[in-house]
PDB file of all heavy atoms in Angstrom:
ATOM      1  N   LYS A   1     100.114 -41.448-118.377  1.00  0.00           N
ATOM      2  CA  LYS A   1     100.063 -42.186-117.127  1.00  0.00           C
ATOM      3  C   LYS A   1     100.239 -43.689-117.379  1.00  0.00           C
ATOM      4  O   LYS A   1     101.047 -44.339-116.695  1.00  0.00           O
ATOM      5  CB  LYS A   1      98.727 -41.925-116.404  1.00  0.00           C
ATOM      6  CG  LYS A   1      98.572 -42.733-115.103  1.00  0.00           C
ATOM      7  CD  LYS A   1      97.246 -42.511-114.461  1.00  0.00           C
ATOM      8  CE  LYS A   1      97.124 -43.340-113.182  1.00  0.00           C
ATOM      9  NZ  LYS A   1      95.816 -43.176-112.503  1.00  0.00           N
ATOM     10  N   ILE A   2      99.549 -44.235-118.378  1.00  0.00           N
ATOM     11  CA  ILE A   2      99.663 -45.630-118.722  1.00  0.00           C
ATOM     12  C   ILE A   2     101.064 -45.941-119.224  1.00  0.00           C
ATOM     13  O   ILE A   2     101.610 -47.031-118.968  1.00  0.00           O
ATOM     14  CB  ILE A   2      98.610 -45.997-119.772  1.00  0.00           C
ATOM     15  CG1 ILE A   2      97.197 -45.910-119.154  1.00  0.00           C
ATOM     16  CG2 ILE A   2      98.846 -47.402-120.336  1.00  0.00           C
ATOM     17  CD1 ILE A   2      96.078 -46.122-120.159  1.00  0.00           C
ATOM     18  N   LYS A   3     101.685 -45.018-119.932  1.00  0.00           N
ATOM     19  CA  LYS A   3     103.030 -45.217-120.471  1.00  0.00           C
ATOM     20  C   LYS A   3     104.111 -45.138-119.366  1.00  0.00           C
ATOM     21  O   LYS A   3     105.264 -45.426-119.648  1.00  0.00           O
ATOM     22  CB  LYS A   3     103.341 -44.150-121.528  1.00  0.00           C
ATOM     23  CG  LYS A   3     102.489 -44.257-122.772  1.00  0.00           C
ATOM     24  CD  LYS A   3     102.791 -43.078-123.720  1.00  0.00           C
ATOM     25  CE  LYS A   3     101.884 -43.100-124.938  1.00  0.00           C
ATOM     26  NZ  LYS A   3     102.083 -41.907-125.797  1.00  0.00           N
ATOM     27  N   GLY A   4     103.716 -44.751-118.173  1.00  0.00           N
ATOM     28  CA  GLY A   4     104.680 -44.678-117.076  1.00  0.00           C
ATOM     29  C   GLY A   4     105.398 -43.361-116.976  1.00  0.00           C
ATOM     30  O   GLY A   4     106.392 -43.248-116.231  1.00  0.00           O
ATOM     31  N   VAL A   5     104.936 -42.341-117.709  1.00  0.00           N
ATOM     32  CA  VAL A   5     105.528 -40.998-117.575  1.00  0.00           C
ATOM     33  C   VAL A   5     105.225 -40.467-116.193  1.00  0.00           C
ATOM     34  O   VAL A   5     104.093 -40.609-115.687  1.00  0.00           O
ATOM     35  CB  VAL A   5     104.941 -40.056-118.651  1.00  0.00           C
ATOM     36  CG1 VAL A   5     105.486 -38.649-118.467  1.00  0.00           C
ATOM     37  CG2 VAL A   5     105.275 -40.585-120.038  1.00  0.00           C
ATOM     38  N   PRO A   6     106.199 -39.886-115.496  1.00  0.00           N
ATOM     39  CA  PRO A   6     105.946 -39.375-114.131  1.00  0.00           C
ATOM     40  C   PRO A   6     104.813 -38.358-114.104  1.00  0.00           C
ATOM     41  O   PRO A   6     104.665 -37.547-115.057  1.00  0.00           O
ATOM     42  CB  PRO A   6     107.299 -38.710-113.767  1.00  0.00           C
ATOM     43  CG  PRO A   6     108.298 -39.429-114.605  1.00  0.00           C
ATOM     44  CD  PRO A   6     107.601 -39.721-115.896  1.00  0.00           C
ATOM     45  N   GLN A   7     104.060 -38.393-113.049  1.00  0.00           N
ATOM     46  CA  GLN A   7     102.952 -37.439-112.884  1.00  0.00           C
ATOM     47  C   GLN A   7     103.506 -36.018-112.745  1.00  0.00           C
ATOM     48  O   GLN A   7     104.500 -35.799-112.049  1.00  0.00           O
ATOM     49  CB  GLN A   7     102.146 -37.807-111.628  1.00  0.00           C
ATOM     50  CG  GLN A   7     100.966 -36.907-111.383  1.00  0.00           C
ATOM     51  CD  GLN A   7     100.227 -37.315-110.113  1.00  0.00           C
ATOM     52  OE1 GLN A   7     100.408 -38.382-109.598  1.00  0.00           O
ATOM     53  NE2 GLN A   7      99.333 -36.425-109.638  1.00  0.00           N
ATOM     54  N   PRO A   8     102.875 -35.033-113.384  1.00  0.00           N
ATOM     55  CA  PRO A   8     103.332 -33.668-113.197  1.00  0.00           C
ATOM     56  C   PRO A   8     103.043 -33.167-111.793  1.00  0.00           C
ATOM     57  O   PRO A   8     102.194 -33.750-111.096  1.00  0.00           O
ATOM     58  CB  PRO A   8     102.497 -32.904-114.236  1.00  0.00           C
ATOM     59  CG  PRO A   8     101.284 -33.715-114.445  1.00  0.00           C
ATOM     60  CD  PRO A   8     101.725 -35.120-114.298  1.00  0.00           C
ATOM     61  N   PRO A   9     103.703 -32.099-111.360  1.00  0.00           N
ATOM     62  CA  PRO A   9     103.450 -31.582-110.020  1.00  0.00           C
ATOM     63  C   PRO A   9     101.976 -31.218-109.820  1.00  0.00           C
ATOM     64  O   PRO A   9     101.340 -30.705-110.741  1.00  0.00           O
ATOM     65  CB  PRO A   9     104.331 -30.308-109.969  1.00  0.00           C
ATOM     66  CG  PRO A   9     105.407 -30.567-110.959  1.00  0.00           C
ATOM     67  CD  PRO A   9     104.760 -31.356-112.060  1.00  0.00           C
ATOM     68  N   ILE A  10     101.441 -31.484-108.655  1.00  0.00           N
ATOM     69  CA  ILE A  10     100.026 -31.221-108.416  1.00  0.00           C
ATOM     70  C   ILE A  10      99.759 -29.757-108.077  1.00  0.00           C
ATOM     71  O   ILE A  10      98.575 -29.330-108.089  1.00  0.00           O
ATOM     72  CB  ILE A  10      99.483 -32.124-107.266  1.00  0.00           C
ATOM     73  CG1 ILE A  10     100.272 -31.902-105.985  1.00  0.00           C
ATOM     74  CG2 ILE A  10      99.550 -33.590-107.697  1.00  0.00           C
ATOM     75  CD1 ILE A  10      99.718 -32.658-104.794  1.00  0.00           C
ATOM     76  N   VAL A  11     100.775 -28.994-107.744  1.00  0.00           N
ATOM     77  CA  VAL A  11     100.638 -27.557-107.546  1.00  0.00           C
ATOM     78  C   VAL A  11     101.867 -26.869-108.156  1.00  0.00           C
ATOM     79  O   VAL A  11     102.928 -27.479-108.309  1.00  0.00           O
ATOM     80  CB  VAL A  11     100.523 -27.177-106.042  1.00  0.00           C
ATOM     81  CG1 VAL A  11      99.237 -27.653-105.454  1.00  0.00           C
ATOM     82  CG2 VAL A  11     101.722 -27.693-105.242  1.00  0.00           C
ATOM     83  N   LYS A  12     101.732 -25.624-108.502  1.00  0.00           N
ATOM     84  CA  LYS A  12     102.797 -24.853-109.107  1.00  0.00           C
ATOM     85  C   LYS A  12     103.839 -24.493-108.051  1.00  0.00           C
ATOM     86  O   LYS A  12     103.472 -24.001-106.974  1.00  0.00           O
ATOM     87  CB  LYS A  12     102.213 -23.605-109.744  1.00  0.00           C
ATOM     88  CG  LYS A  12     103.213 -22.781-110.542  1.00  0.00           C
ATOM     89  CD  LYS A  12     102.470 -21.625-111.219  1.00  0.00           C
ATOM     90  CE  LYS A  12     103.429 -20.766-112.048  1.00  0.00           C
ATOM     91  NZ  LYS A  12     102.698 -19.680-112.770  1.00  0.00           N
ATOM     92  N   PRO A  13     105.117 -24.727-108.302  1.00  0.00           N
ATOM     93  CA  PRO A  13     106.136 -24.360-107.326  1.00  0.00           C
ATOM     94  C   PRO A  13     106.289 -22.848-107.167  1.00  0.00           C
ATOM     95  O   PRO A  13     105.783 -22.089-108.013  1.00  0.00           O
ATOM     96  CB  PRO A  13     107.415 -24.987-107.907  1.00  0.00           C
ATOM     97  CG  PRO A  13     107.164 -25.053-109.361  1.00  0.00           C
ATOM     98  CD  PRO A  13     105.682 -25.297-109.541  1.00  0.00           C
ATOM     99  N   PHE A  14     106.931 -22.438-106.100  1.00  0.00           N
ATOM    100  CA  PHE A  14     107.130 -21.008-105.869  1.00  0.00           C
ATOM    101  C   PHE A  14     108.448 -20.797-105.121  1.00  0.00           C
ATOM    102  O   PHE A  14     108.967 -21.722-104.479  1.00  0.00           O
ATOM    103  CB  PHE A  14     105.963 -20.376-105.119  1.00  0.00           C
ATOM    104  CG  PHE A  14     105.789 -20.929-103.713  1.00  0.00           C
ATOM    105  CD1 PHE A  14     106.335 -20.325-102.602  1.00  0.00           C
ATOM    106  CD2 PHE A  14     105.016 -22.112-103.509  1.00  0.00           C
ATOM    107  CE1 PHE A  14     106.165 -20.831-101.330  1.00  0.00           C
ATOM    108  CE2 PHE A  14     104.856 -22.616-102.244  1.00  0.00           C
ATOM    109  CZ  PHE A  14     105.431 -21.980-101.132  1.00  0.00           C
ATOM    110  N   ASP A  15     108.938 -19.594-105.205  1.00  0.00           N
ATOM    111  CA  ASP A  15     110.186 -19.221-104.527  1.00  0.00           C
ATOM    112  C   ASP A  15     109.920 -19.065-103.031  1.00  0.00           C
ATOM    113  O   ASP A  15     109.140 -18.195-102.626  1.00  0.00           O
ATOM    114  CB  ASP A  15     110.734 -17.911-105.120  1.00  0.00           C
ATOM    115  CG  ASP A  15     112.070 -17.513-104.531  1.00  0.00           C
ATOM    116  OD1 ASP A  15     112.546 -18.167-103.589  1.00  0.00           O
ATOM    117  OD2 ASP A  15     112.658 -16.535-105.036  1.00  0.00           O
ATOM    118  N   GLN A  16     110.561 -19.883-102.217  1.00  0.00           N
ATOM    119  CA  GLN A  16     110.345 -19.846-100.768  1.00  0.00           C
ATOM    120  C   GLN A  16     110.794 -18.530-100.148  1.00  0.00           C
ATOM    121  O   GLN A  16     110.415 -18.203 -99.030  1.00  0.00           O
ATOM    122  CB  GLN A  16     111.080 -21.011-100.109  1.00  0.00           C
ATOM    123  CG  GLN A  16     110.643 -22.393-100.544  1.00  0.00           C
ATOM    124  CD  GLN A  16     109.297 -22.786 -99.964  1.00  0.00           C
ATOM    125  OE1 GLN A  16     108.822 -22.188 -98.994  1.00  0.00           O
ATOM    126  NE2 GLN A  16     108.648 -23.761-100.568  1.00  0.00           N
ATOM    127  N   GLU A  17     111.610 -17.770-100.896  1.00  0.00           N
ATOM    128  CA  GLU A  17     112.082 -16.471-100.391  1.00  0.00           C
ATOM    129  C   GLU A  17     111.116 -15.354-100.704  1.00  0.00           C
ATOM    130  O   GLU A  17     111.323 -14.207-100.311  1.00  0.00           O
ATOM    131  CB  GLU A  17     113.457 -16.172-100.981  1.00  0.00           C
ATOM    132  CG  GLU A  17     114.540 -17.182-100.631  1.00  0.00           C
ATOM    133  CD  GLU A  17     114.732 -17.324 -99.125  1.00  0.00           C
ATOM    134  OE1 GLU A  17     114.779 -16.292 -98.417  1.00  0.00           O
ATOM    135  OE2 GLU A  17     114.842 -18.475 -98.673  1.00  0.00           O
ATOM    136  N   SER A  18     110.020 -15.638-101.434  1.00  0.00           N
ATOM    137  CA  SER A  18     109.054 -14.616-101.795  1.00  0.00           C
ATOM    138  C   SER A  18     108.287 -14.172-100.552  1.00  0.00           C
ATOM    139  O   SER A  18     108.312 -14.805 -99.478  1.00  0.00           O
ATOM    140  CB  SER A  18     108.059 -15.182-102.807  1.00  0.00           C
ATOM    141  OG  SER A  18     108.703 -15.587-103.980  1.00  0.00           O
ATOM    142  N   LEU A  19     107.595 -13.047-100.687  1.00  0.00           N
ATOM    143  CA  LEU A  19     106.743 -12.566 -99.605  1.00  0.00           C
ATOM    144  C   LEU A  19     105.514 -13.427 -99.528  1.00  0.00           C
ATOM    145  O   LEU A  19     104.728 -13.486-100.464  1.00  0.00           O
ATOM    146  CB  LEU A  19     106.348 -11.090 -99.842  1.00  0.00           C
ATOM    147  CG  LEU A  19     105.388 -10.503 -98.844  1.00  0.00           C
ATOM    148  CD1 LEU A  19     105.929 -10.545 -97.418  1.00  0.00           C
ATOM    149  CD2 LEU A  19     105.032  -9.068 -99.231  1.00  0.00           C
ATOM    150  N   ILE A  20     105.361 -14.146 -98.397  1.00  0.00           N
ATOM    151  CA  ILE A  20     104.244 -15.046 -98.176  1.00  0.00           C
ATOM    152  C   ILE A  20     103.394 -14.466 -97.073  1.00  0.00           C
ATOM    153  O   ILE A  20     103.880 -14.097 -95.999  1.00  0.00           O
ATOM    154  CB  ILE A  20     104.716 -16.466 -97.792  1.00  0.00           C
ATOM    155  CG1 ILE A  20     105.727 -17.005 -98.805  1.00  0.00           C
ATOM    156  CG2 ILE A  20     103.501 -17.389 -97.664  1.00  0.00           C
ATOM    157  CD1 ILE A  20     105.194 -17.187-100.193  1.00  0.00           C
ATOM    158  N   ILE A  21     102.103 -14.371 -97.312  1.00  0.00           N
ATOM    159  CA  ILE A  21     101.170 -13.768 -96.363  1.00  0.00           C
ATOM    160  C   ILE A  21     100.304 -14.849 -95.762  1.00  0.00           C
ATOM    161  O   ILE A  21      99.624 -15.620 -96.491  1.00  0.00           O
ATOM    162  CB  ILE A  21     100.290 -12.697 -97.073  1.00  0.00           C
ATOM    163  CG1 ILE A  21     101.208 -11.594 -97.652  1.00  0.00           C
ATOM    164  CG2 ILE A  21      99.271 -12.128 -96.122  1.00  0.00           C
ATOM    165  CD1 ILE A  21     100.496 -10.700 -98.600  1.00  0.00           C
ATOM    166  N   ASP A  22     100.297 -14.940 -94.425  1.00  0.00           N
ATOM    167  CA  ASP A  22      99.442 -15.895 -93.746  1.00  0.00           C
ATOM    168  C   ASP A  22      97.979 -15.469 -93.864  1.00  0.00           C
ATOM    169  O   ASP A  22      97.653 -14.290 -93.745  1.00  0.00           O
ATOM    170  CB  ASP A  22      99.814 -15.978 -92.257  1.00  0.00           C
ATOM    171  CG  ASP A  22     101.179 -16.598 -92.042  1.00  0.00           C
ATOM    172  OD1 ASP A  22     101.581 -17.449 -92.873  1.00  0.00           O
ATOM    173  OD2 ASP A  22     101.823 -16.267 -91.039  1.00  0.00           O
ATOM    174  N   LEU A  23      97.140 -16.449 -94.132  1.00  0.00           N
ATOM    175  CA  LEU A  23      95.696 -16.187 -94.144  1.00  0.00           C
ATOM    176  C   LEU A  23      95.074 -16.654 -92.831  1.00  0.00           C
ATOM    177  O   LEU A  23      95.556 -17.639 -92.267  1.00  0.00           O
ATOM    178  CB  LEU A  23      95.047 -16.943 -95.328  1.00  0.00           C
ATOM    179  CG  LEU A  23      95.347 -16.401 -96.719  1.00  0.00           C
ATOM    180  CD1 LEU A  23      94.901 -17.378 -97.780  1.00  0.00           C
ATOM    181  CD2 LEU A  23      94.673 -15.044 -96.937  1.00  0.00           C
ATOM    182  N   PRO A  24      94.037 -15.944 -92.381  1.00  0.00           N
ATOM    183  CA  PRO A  24      93.358 -16.411 -91.170  1.00  0.00           C
ATOM    184  C   PRO A  24      92.799 -17.819 -91.329  1.00  0.00           C
ATOM    185  O   PRO A  24      92.439 -18.246 -92.426  1.00  0.00           O
ATOM    186  CB  PRO A  24      92.228 -15.404 -91.002  1.00  0.00           C
ATOM    187  CG  PRO A  24      92.629 -14.197 -91.779  1.00  0.00           C
ATOM    188  CD  PRO A  24      93.444 -14.737 -92.943  1.00  0.00           C
ATOM    189  N   THR A  25      92.775 -18.534 -90.242  1.00  0.00           N
ATOM    190  CA  THR A  25      92.167 -19.870 -90.248  1.00  0.00           C
ATOM    191  C   THR A  25      90.705 -19.766 -90.667  1.00  0.00           C
ATOM    192  O   THR A  25      89.991 -18.864 -90.218  1.00  0.00           O
ATOM    193  CB  THR A  25      92.249 -20.525 -88.863  1.00  0.00           C
ATOM    194  OG1 THR A  25      93.614 -20.624 -88.483  1.00  0.00           O
ATOM    195  CG2 THR A  25      91.601 -21.897 -88.864  1.00  0.00           C
ATOM    196  N   VAL A  26      90.295 -20.615 -91.575  1.00  0.00           N
ATOM    197  CA  VAL A  26      88.898 -20.560 -92.059  1.00  0.00           C
ATOM    198  C   VAL A  26      87.945 -20.974 -90.941  1.00  0.00           C
ATOM    199  O   VAL A  26      88.158 -21.980 -90.248  1.00  0.00           O
ATOM    200  CB  VAL A  26      88.728 -21.496 -93.284  1.00  0.00           C
ATOM    201  CG1 VAL A  26      87.274 -21.474 -93.716  1.00  0.00           C
ATOM    202  CG2 VAL A  26      89.636 -21.059 -94.411  1.00  0.00           C
ATOM    203  N   SER A  27      86.931 -20.141 -90.759  1.00  0.00           N
ATOM    204  CA  SER A  27      85.949 -20.395 -89.719  1.00  0.00           C
ATOM    205  C   SER A  27      84.552 -20.124 -90.257  1.00  0.00           C
ATOM    206  O   SER A  27      84.348 -19.194 -91.030  1.00  0.00           O
ATOM    207  CB  SER A  27      86.250 -19.489 -88.505  1.00  0.00           C
ATOM    208  OG  SER A  27      85.162 -19.539 -87.586  1.00  0.00           O
ATOM    209  N   LYS A  28      83.601 -20.940 -89.807  1.00  0.00           N
ATOM    210  CA  LYS A  28      82.220 -20.690 -90.218  1.00  0.00           C
ATOM    211  C   LYS A  28      81.640 -19.432 -89.574  1.00  0.00           C
ATOM    212  O   LYS A  28      80.550 -18.973 -89.958  1.00  0.00           O
ATOM    213  CB  LYS A  28      81.330 -21.903 -89.875  1.00  0.00           C
ATOM    214  CG  LYS A  28      81.188 -22.180 -88.400  1.00  0.00           C
ATOM    215  CD  LYS A  28      80.295 -23.429 -88.177  1.00  0.00           C
ATOM    216  CE  LYS A  28      80.106 -23.710 -86.702  1.00  0.00           C
ATOM    217  NZ  LYS A  28      79.246 -24.902 -86.482  1.00  0.00           N
ATOM    218  N   ASP A  29      82.379 -18.837 -88.647  1.00  0.00           N
ATOM    219  CA  ASP A  29      81.914 -17.603 -88.019  1.00  0.00           C
ATOM    220  C   ASP A  29      81.811 -16.465 -89.019  1.00  0.00           C
ATOM    221  O   ASP A  29      81.098 -15.479 -88.774  1.00  0.00           O
ATOM    222  CB  ASP A  29      82.851 -17.190 -86.882  1.00  0.00           C
ATOM    223  CG  ASP A  29      82.804 -18.168 -85.714  1.00  0.00           C
ATOM    224  OD1 ASP A  29      81.814 -18.918 -85.612  1.00  0.00           O
ATOM    225  OD2 ASP A  29      83.759 -18.185 -84.910  1.00  0.00           O
ATOM    226  N   VAL A  30      82.524 -16.574 -90.122  1.00  0.00           N
ATOM    227  CA  VAL A  30      82.488 -15.517 -91.145  1.00  0.00           C
ATOM    228  C   VAL A  30      81.174 -15.548 -91.930  1.00  0.00           C
ATOM    229  O   VAL A  30      80.794 -14.566 -92.570  1.00  0.00           O
ATOM    230  CB  VAL A  30      83.698 -15.648 -92.089  1.00  0.00           C
ATOM    231  CG1 VAL A  30      83.503 -16.820 -93.066  1.00  0.00           C
ATOM    232  CG2 VAL A  30      83.955 -14.368 -92.832  1.00  0.00           C
ATOM    233  N   VAL A  31      80.449 -16.651 -91.869  1.00  0.00           N
ATOM    234  CA  VAL A  31      79.228 -16.819 -92.669  1.00  0.00           C
ATOM    235  C   VAL A  31      78.065 -16.154 -91.962  1.00  0.00           C
ATOM    236  O   VAL A  31      77.806 -16.379 -90.786  1.00  0.00           O
ATOM    237  CB  VAL A  31      78.923 -18.326 -92.844  1.00  0.00           C
ATOM    238  CG1 VAL A  31      77.560 -18.528 -93.522  1.00  0.00           C
ATOM    239  CG2 VAL A  31      80.026 -18.987 -93.651  1.00  0.00           C
ATOM    240  N   SER A  32      77.335 -15.321 -92.716  1.00  0.00           N
ATOM    241  CA  SER A  32      76.162 -14.634 -92.199  1.00  0.00           C
ATOM    242  C   SER A  32      74.857 -15.275 -92.680  1.00  0.00           C
ATOM    243  O   SER A  32      73.793 -15.042 -92.092  1.00  0.00           O
ATOM    244  CB  SER A  32      76.193 -13.162 -92.577  1.00  0.00           C
ATOM    245  OG  SER A  32      76.241 -12.985 -93.986  1.00  0.00           O
ATOM    246  N   LYS A  33      74.921 -16.061 -93.733  1.00  0.00           N
ATOM    247  CA  LYS A  33      73.735 -16.733 -94.270  1.00  0.00           C
ATOM    248  C   LYS A  33      74.062 -18.218 -94.312  1.00  0.00           C
ATOM    249  O   LYS A  33      74.758 -18.709 -95.207  1.00  0.00           O
ATOM    250  CB  LYS A  33      73.420 -16.209 -95.684  1.00  0.00           C
ATOM    251  CG  LYS A  33      72.133 -16.759 -96.275  1.00  0.00           C
ATOM    252  CD  LYS A  33      71.925 -16.201 -97.674  1.00  0.00           C
ATOM    253  CE  LYS A  33      71.700 -14.710 -97.673  1.00  0.00           C
ATOM    254  NZ  LYS A  33      71.449 -14.162 -99.031  1.00  0.00           N
ATOM    255  N   GLU A  34      73.548 -18.969 -93.343  1.00  0.00           N
ATOM    256  CA  GLU A  34      73.951 -20.355 -93.167  1.00  0.00           C
ATOM    257  C   GLU A  34      73.108 -21.338 -93.994  1.00  0.00           C
ATOM    258  O   GLU A  34      73.526 -22.461 -94.238  1.00  0.00           O
ATOM    259  CB  GLU A  34      73.858 -20.750 -91.709  1.00  0.00           C
ATOM    260  CG  GLU A  34      74.859 -20.006 -90.826  1.00  0.00           C
ATOM    261  CD  GLU A  34      74.884 -20.513 -89.417  1.00  0.00           C
ATOM    262  OE1 GLU A  34      74.045 -21.385 -89.062  1.00  0.00           O
ATOM    263  OE2 GLU A  34      75.725 -20.067 -88.612  1.00  0.00           O
ATOM    264  N   SER A  35      71.950 -20.922 -94.445  1.00  0.00           N
ATOM    265  CA  SER A  35      71.074 -21.830 -95.201  1.00  0.00           C
ATOM    266  C   SER A  35      71.547 -22.024 -96.625  1.00  0.00           C
ATOM    267  O   SER A  35      71.616 -21.041 -97.396  1.00  0.00           O
ATOM    268  CB  SER A  35      69.631 -21.285 -95.196  1.00  0.00           C
ATOM    269  OG  SER A  35      68.847 -21.989 -96.123  1.00  0.00           O
ATOM    270  N   ILE A  36      71.896 -23.247 -96.995  1.00  0.00           N
ATOM    271  CA  ILE A  36      72.338 -23.483 -98.371  1.00  0.00           C
ATOM    272  C   ILE A  36      71.163 -23.245 -99.327  1.00  0.00           C
ATOM    273  O   ILE A  36      71.354 -22.807-100.469  1.00  0.00           O
ATOM    274  CB  ILE A  36      72.902 -24.920 -98.518  1.00  0.00           C
ATOM    275  CG1 ILE A  36      73.493 -25.125 -99.919  1.00  0.00           C
ATOM    276  CG2 ILE A  36      71.836 -25.967 -98.248  1.00  0.00           C
ATOM    277  CD1 ILE A  36      74.667 -24.246-100.236  1.00  0.00           C
TER     278      ILE A  36
END
């Protein structure tokens, strides 16, 4: 970083043509035990 080398990608790339599965929106409704 100090030498000025470009930062590596922050996430691994993937093929946009792959099968991508949508995940449900995260909701606290899924939690049954709320006390930390």
